Structure formats: C-alpha cells, structure tokens
C-alpha cells in the first residue's frame, strides 16, 4: 500500500495525495481520478466534500500547527 499524505493548507483545504478512497455515509465512493484532492474545511464549498475555493470568499482562517508537547 502506498503512503498517503494529508496536508493542512493555511486558511484553506485539506490536500490529500497518494492512493486513497473517499467513501460517503452510504458506502458510495467518490471518483478522485488518482490525483491530489482538496477537501473542504470551511463548510462553504458548493461541491462537498471537495474544496471549491469558497474559503477565500468567506474569509476562512485556520492555520493549525503541531505542538511540541
């Protein structure tokens, strides 16, 4: 199995890269075409669960960092 990386983009989406599946609550799989996929964090996307860039329009701010503890 290949490695999957999830990057938290400052003030933006989660960016997933690698070999993964996104499955809805009913067990249906979203088509990701095997490429990097941005998932919405702000809740304003018009194409949930994917990011449509609406975080810029609503002024979404979030830039979490790993703590040293």
C-alpha atoms as a PDB file:
ATOM      1  CA  UNK A   1       0.000   0.000   0.000  1.00  0.00           C
ATOM      2  CA  UNK A   2       1.369   3.439  -0.910  1.00  0.00           C
ATOM      3  CA  UNK A   3       1.760   6.293   1.525  1.00  0.00           C
ATOM      4  CA  UNK A   4      -0.989   8.874   1.806  1.00  0.00           C
ATOM      5  CA  UNK A   5      -0.193  12.437   2.837  1.00  0.00           C
ATOM      6  CA  UNK A   6      -2.751  14.889   4.173  1.00  0.00           C
ATOM      7  CA  UNK A   7      -1.540  18.489   4.204  1.00  0.00           C
ATOM      8  CA  UNK A   8      -3.415  21.161   6.128  1.00  0.00           C
ATOM      9  CA  UNK A   9      -3.302  24.258   3.935  1.00  0.00           C
ATOM     10  CA  UNK A  10      -3.261  27.546   5.875  1.00  0.00           C
ATOM     11  CA  UNK A  11      -6.710  29.154   5.611  1.00  0.00           C
ATOM     12  CA  UNK A  12      -7.718  26.509   3.072  1.00  0.00           C
ATOM     13  CA  UNK A  13      -8.496  22.840   2.454  1.00  0.00           C
ATOM     14  CA  UNK A  14      -7.006  19.509   3.415  1.00  0.00           C
ATOM     15  CA  UNK A  15      -4.879  18.366   0.444  1.00  0.00           C
ATOM     16  CA  UNK A  16      -4.716  14.570   0.074  1.00  0.00           C
ATOM     17  CA  UNK A  17      -2.030  12.931  -2.039  1.00  0.00           C
ATOM     18  CA  UNK A  18      -1.417   9.231  -2.599  1.00  0.00           C
ATOM     19  CA  UNK A  19      -3.564   6.152  -3.121  1.00  0.00           C
ATOM     20  CA  UNK A  20      -6.827   6.625  -1.208  1.00  0.00           C
ATOM     21  CA  UNK A  21     -10.612   6.347  -1.432  1.00  0.00           C
ATOM     22  CA  UNK A  22     -13.245   8.780  -0.215  1.00  0.00           C
ATOM     23  CA  UNK A  23     -16.437   6.984   0.779  1.00  0.00           C
ATOM     24  CA  UNK A  24     -19.755   8.623   1.751  1.00  0.00           C
ATOM     25  CA  UNK A  25     -22.009   7.547   4.645  1.00  0.00           C
ATOM     26  CA  UNK A  26     -23.890   5.122   2.377  1.00  0.00           C
ATOM     27  CA  UNK A  27     -20.713   3.393   1.188  1.00  0.00           C
ATOM     28  CA  UNK A  28     -20.513   5.048  -2.241  1.00  0.00           C
ATOM     29  CA  UNK A  29     -17.043   6.028  -3.449  1.00  0.00           C
ATOM     30  CA  UNK A  30     -16.280   9.475  -4.844  1.00  0.00           C
ATOM     31  CA  UNK A  31     -14.166   9.476  -8.013  1.00  0.00           C
ATOM     32  CA  UNK A  32     -10.820  11.159  -7.307  1.00  0.00           C
ATOM     33  CA  UNK A  33      -9.080  10.103 -10.550  1.00  0.00           C
ATOM     34  CA  UNK A  34      -5.979   9.101  -8.555  1.00  0.00           C
ATOM     35  CA  UNK A  35      -4.719  12.672  -8.311  1.00  0.00           C
ATOM     36  CA  UNK A  36      -4.263  15.156  -5.457  1.00  0.00           C
ATOM     37  CA  UNK A  37      -7.621  16.059  -3.944  1.00  0.00           C
ATOM     38  CA  UNK A  38      -8.584  19.092  -1.865  1.00  0.00           C
ATOM     39  CA  UNK A  39     -11.236  18.554   0.813  1.00  0.00           C
ATOM     40  CA  UNK A  40     -13.245  21.450   2.241  1.00  0.00           C
ATOM     41  CA  UNK A  41     -12.534  22.546   5.820  1.00  0.00           C
ATOM     42  CA  UNK A  42     -14.618  25.732   5.910  1.00  0.00           C
ATOM     43  CA  UNK A  43     -18.052  24.283   5.092  1.00  0.00           C
ATOM     44  CA  UNK A  44     -18.722  26.801   2.283  1.00  0.00           C
ATOM     45  CA  UNK A  45     -17.943  24.551  -0.680  1.00  0.00           C
ATOM     46  CA  UNK A  46     -20.716  24.087  -3.221  1.00  0.00           C
ATOM     47  CA  UNK A  47     -19.286  20.651  -4.103  1.00  0.00           C
ATOM     48  CA  UNK A  48     -18.912  18.946  -0.711  1.00  0.00           C
ATOM     49  CA  UNK A  49     -16.715  17.239   0.374  1.00  0.00           C
ATOM     50  CA  UNK A  50     -14.385  18.843  -2.174  1.00  0.00           C
ATOM     51  CA  UNK A  51     -12.948  22.353  -1.971  1.00  0.00           C
ATOM     52  CA  UNK A  52     -14.244  24.912  -4.476  1.00  0.00           C
ATOM     53  CA  UNK A  53     -12.167  27.839  -3.191  1.00  0.00           C
ATOM     54  CA  UNK A  54     -15.079  29.466  -1.376  1.00  0.00           C
ATOM     55  CA  UNK A  55     -12.920  29.713   1.779  1.00  0.00           C
ATOM     56  CA  UNK A  56     -11.335  32.784   0.176  1.00  0.00           C
ATOM     57  CA  UNK A  57     -14.718  34.471  -0.299  1.00  0.00           C
ATOM     58  CA  UNK A  58     -15.857  33.934   3.293  1.00  0.00           C
ATOM     59  CA  UNK A  59     -12.533  34.832   4.904  1.00  0.00           C
ATOM     60  CA  UNK A  60     -11.948  31.396   6.463  1.00  0.00           C
ATOM     61  CA  UNK A  61      -8.957  31.441   8.793  1.00  0.00           C
ATOM     62  CA  UNK A  62      -7.267  28.416  10.294  1.00  0.00           C
ATOM     63  CA  UNK A  63      -3.576  27.617  10.436  1.00  0.00           C
ATOM     64  CA  UNK A  64      -3.065  24.819  12.984  1.00  0.00           C
ATOM     65  CA  UNK A  65       0.471  23.743  13.874  1.00  0.00           C
ATOM     66  CA  UNK A  66       1.827  20.642  15.567  1.00  0.00           C
ATOM     67  CA  UNK A  67       2.546  21.358  19.231  1.00  0.00           C
ATOM     68  CA  UNK A  68       5.807  20.408  20.909  1.00  0.00           C
ATOM     69  CA  UNK A  69       4.033  18.603  23.767  1.00  0.00           C
END
